[in-house]
């Protein structure tokens, strides 16, 4: 057992939704589990690729080609018996964001694109759920905690950068340990 967290009914535990099961979401989910969170919902529409393995710590080589949400959920359940992890393989879109995030006590946003960050921000504000939104690129990372009624992600970044203005993680790279550190800061 990892500690006292398994001594009370899981139904009393907070639900944390992790958007993205990649370089940020994996260490954030692991950090949450180590801190005693027993109810997670992991949302990601991508599949595990070999190039993900150095920085996406919940996936293994045998998971290549599998849905990231399912791979991460299985790894967490194996390491933390009794943990409830719901894996949802879908992209967070304007039409489903509020439904997927509803009921959460906290949202961890670790996607690799600006539209998802803005969708999480909008849904979290409307549903009055605190969120921690983060990003990493090359050797830089940032995390922003947003409480209901406080300034939000869109307040700090009113407009998404024009397409092509900011390089992507796949084109510019990410220092793997940095993603791990920022994901743990989110947790």
Protein backbone atom coordinates (compact mmCIF):
# COMPACT_ATOMS: atom_id res chain seq x y z
CA UNK A 1 0.00 0.00 0.00
CA UNK A 2 1.21 3.52 -0.78
CA UNK A 3 -0.29 4.97 2.40
CA UNK A 4 -3.46 5.93 4.19
CA UNK A 5 -5.27 6.95 1.00
CA UNK A 6 -6.74 3.46 0.64
CA UNK A 7 -8.49 3.56 4.05
CA UNK A 8 -11.61 5.58 3.17
CA UNK A 9 -14.25 5.12 0.46
CA UNK A 10 -13.05 6.20 -2.98
CA UNK A 11 -16.41 7.91 -3.56
CA UNK A 12 -15.28 10.59 -1.08
CA UNK A 13 -12.14 11.31 -3.10
CA UNK A 14 -11.87 14.24 -5.49
CA UNK A 15 -12.05 13.55 -9.22
CA UNK A 16 -9.15 14.98 -11.19
CA UNK A 17 -9.40 15.12 -14.98
CA UNK A 18 -6.09 14.99 -16.85
CA UNK A 19 -6.32 16.27 -20.43
CA UNK A 20 -3.41 14.76 -22.34
CA UNK A 21 -1.52 11.56 -21.53
CA UNK A 22 1.80 12.70 -22.92
CA UNK A 23 4.88 14.48 -21.63
CA UNK A 24 2.93 16.61 -19.12
CA UNK A 25 -0.08 14.41 -18.38
CA UNK A 26 1.92 11.28 -17.55
CA UNK A 27 4.07 12.81 -14.78
CA UNK A 28 1.10 14.85 -13.52
CA UNK A 29 -1.06 11.71 -13.23
CA UNK A 30 1.73 9.83 -11.47
CA UNK A 31 2.35 12.75 -9.11
CA UNK A 32 -1.36 12.93 -8.30
CA UNK A 33 -1.45 9.19 -7.57
CA UNK A 34 1.60 9.46 -5.31
CA UNK A 35 -0.08 12.36 -3.49
CA UNK A 36 -3.11 10.16 -2.77
CA UNK A 37 -5.57 11.03 -5.54
CA UNK A 38 -7.52 7.85 -6.30
CA UNK A 39 -9.98 9.01 -8.95
CA UNK A 40 -8.65 10.14 -12.32
CA UNK A 41 -10.20 10.63 -15.73
CA UNK A 42 -7.59 10.69 -18.49
CA UNK A 43 -8.60 12.18 -21.85
CA UNK A 44 -6.40 11.79 -24.93
CA UNK A 45 -7.10 10.82 -28.54
CA UNK A 46 -3.52 9.93 -29.52
CA UNK A 47 -1.65 6.62 -29.63
CA UNK A 48 1.72 5.77 -28.11
CA UNK A 49 4.66 6.14 -30.49
CA UNK A 50 8.20 4.92 -29.95
CA UNK A 51 9.46 8.53 -29.90
CA UNK A 52 7.18 9.24 -26.90
CA UNK A 53 8.83 6.76 -24.55
CA UNK A 54 11.78 8.87 -23.31
CA UNK A 55 9.48 11.51 -21.75
CA UNK A 56 6.03 9.91 -21.40
CA UNK A 57 6.71 7.85 -18.31
CA UNK A 58 3.47 5.84 -18.06
CA UNK A 59 3.99 4.16 -21.45
CA UNK A 60 6.24 1.20 -22.31
CA UNK A 61 7.55 -0.20 -25.60
CA UNK A 62 4.80 -2.87 -25.63
CA UNK A 63 2.23 0.00 -25.60
CA UNK A 64 3.33 1.40 -28.99
CA UNK A 65 0.23 1.74 -31.17
CA UNK A 66 -2.14 1.64 -28.18
CA UNK A 67 -4.30 4.55 -27.06
CA UNK A 68 -2.35 6.77 -24.66
CA UNK A 69 -5.32 7.18 -22.30
CA UNK A 70 -5.70 3.40 -21.97
CA UNK A 71 -1.98 2.77 -21.58
CA UNK A 72 -1.63 5.41 -18.86
CA UNK A 73 -4.72 4.14 -17.03
CA UNK A 74 -3.51 0.54 -17.07
CA UNK A 75 -0.07 1.51 -15.73
CA UNK A 76 -1.58 3.55 -12.89
CA UNK A 77 -4.06 0.81 -11.93
CA UNK A 78 -1.21 -1.73 -11.80
CA UNK A 79 0.96 0.50 -9.62
CA UNK A 80 -1.87 1.70 -7.37
CA UNK A 81 -4.37 -1.12 -6.72
CA UNK A 82 -7.82 0.24 -5.96
CA UNK A 83 -7.25 3.43 -7.93
CA UNK A 84 -10.14 4.33 -10.22
CA UNK A 85 -8.84 5.53 -13.57
CA UNK A 86 -11.24 6.21 -16.42
CA UNK A 87 -9.60 6.33 -19.86
CA UNK A 88 -11.38 8.30 -22.57
CA UNK A 89 -9.93 8.18 -26.08
CA UNK A 90 -11.26 11.31 -27.70
CA UNK A 91 -10.19 14.81 -28.61
CA UNK A 92 -11.54 17.61 -26.43
CA UNK A 93 -13.73 19.63 -28.82
CA UNK A 94 -16.05 22.61 -28.30
CA UNK A 95 -19.08 20.31 -28.40
CA UNK A 96 -17.83 17.78 -25.81
CA UNK A 97 -15.52 19.75 -23.49
CA UNK A 98 -18.06 20.64 -20.81
CA UNK A 99 -19.48 17.10 -20.72
CA UNK A 100 -16.03 15.50 -20.42
CA UNK A 101 -14.90 17.89 -17.69
CA UNK A 102 -18.16 18.04 -15.71
CA UNK A 103 -18.00 16.62 -12.21
CA UNK A 104 -14.27 17.23 -11.84
CA UNK A 105 -12.84 18.82 -8.74
CA UNK A 106 -9.67 19.81 -10.61
CA UNK A 107 -8.53 19.81 -14.24
CA UNK A 108 -4.91 19.27 -15.28
CA UNK A 109 -4.39 20.44 -18.87
CA UNK A 110 -1.31 19.01 -20.55
CA UNK A 111 -2.13 19.02 -24.24
CA UNK A 112 0.32 20.01 -26.95
CA UNK A 113 -1.91 22.53 -28.75
CA UNK A 114 -3.40 25.95 -28.10
CA UNK A 115 -7.02 25.20 -29.13
CA UNK A 116 -7.28 22.54 -26.40
CA UNK A 117 -5.79 24.87 -23.80
CA UNK A 118 -8.40 27.53 -24.64
CA UNK A 119 -11.21 24.93 -24.62
CA UNK A 120 -10.18 23.67 -21.19
CA UNK A 121 -9.96 27.26 -19.94
CA UNK A 122 -13.44 28.13 -21.24
CA UNK A 123 -15.08 24.97 -19.90
CA UNK A 124 -13.33 25.25 -16.52
CA UNK A 125 -14.49 28.86 -16.16
CA UNK A 126 -18.07 28.01 -17.12
CA UNK A 127 -18.18 24.96 -14.84
CA UNK A 128 -16.31 26.82 -12.03
CA UNK A 129 -13.63 24.14 -11.74
CA UNK A 130 -10.02 25.04 -10.91
CA UNK A 131 -7.52 24.16 -13.61
CA UNK A 132 -3.75 23.99 -14.01
CA UNK A 133 -2.78 24.68 -17.61
CA UNK A 134 0.80 24.07 -18.73
CA UNK A 135 3.07 23.88 -21.73
CA UNK A 136 6.65 22.99 -22.59
CA UNK A 137 8.80 23.65 -25.64
CA UNK A 138 12.52 23.07 -26.04
CA UNK A 139 14.07 24.19 -22.73
CA UNK A 140 11.13 26.29 -21.49
CA UNK A 141 8.06 25.36 -19.50
CA UNK A 142 5.24 27.11 -17.69
CA UNK A 143 2.27 26.20 -15.53
CA UNK A 144 -0.64 28.44 -14.61
CA UNK A 145 -3.11 27.61 -11.83
CA UNK A 146 -6.52 29.16 -12.41
CA UNK A 147 -9.17 29.34 -9.70
CA UNK A 148 -12.86 29.97 -10.47
CA UNK A 149 -13.55 33.70 -10.63
CA UNK A 150 -9.87 34.62 -10.91
CA UNK A 151 -7.97 35.77 -13.99
CA UNK A 152 -7.73 32.87 -16.43
CA UNK A 153 -5.54 31.50 -19.21
CA UNK A 154 -7.27 33.70 -21.80
CA UNK A 155 -6.71 36.69 -19.49
CA UNK A 156 -2.96 36.03 -19.59
CA UNK A 157 -2.93 35.03 -23.28
CA UNK A 158 -5.91 36.75 -24.97
CA UNK A 159 -5.24 35.28 -28.40
CA UNK A 160 -3.63 32.07 -29.55
CA UNK A 161 -0.52 32.63 -31.65
CA UNK A 162 -1.07 32.59 -35.39
CA UNK A 163 -0.51 29.16 -36.96
CA UNK A 164 3.17 28.65 -37.69
CA UNK A 165 4.32 31.45 -35.36
CA UNK A 166 5.21 29.10 -32.48
CA UNK A 167 7.03 25.87 -33.35
CA UNK A 168 5.41 22.59 -32.31
CA UNK A 169 6.91 20.12 -29.87
CA UNK A 170 7.49 17.68 -32.72
CA UNK A 171 9.33 20.26 -34.84
CA UNK A 172 11.32 22.02 -32.10
CA UNK A 173 11.68 19.28 -29.49
CA UNK A 174 11.17 19.12 -25.74
CA UNK A 175 13.71 18.31 -23.05
CA UNK A 176 12.14 15.18 -21.51
CA UNK A 177 13.05 15.88 -17.88
CA UNK A 178 11.60 19.39 -18.22
CA UNK A 179 8.23 17.95 -19.24
CA UNK A 180 8.41 15.67 -16.20
CA UNK A 181 9.21 18.56 -13.89
CA UNK A 182 6.40 20.80 -15.22
CA UNK A 183 3.92 17.88 -15.05
CA UNK A 184 4.85 17.32 -11.40
CA UNK A 185 4.44 21.05 -10.73
CA UNK A 186 0.92 20.73 -12.14
CA UNK A 187 0.16 17.88 -9.72
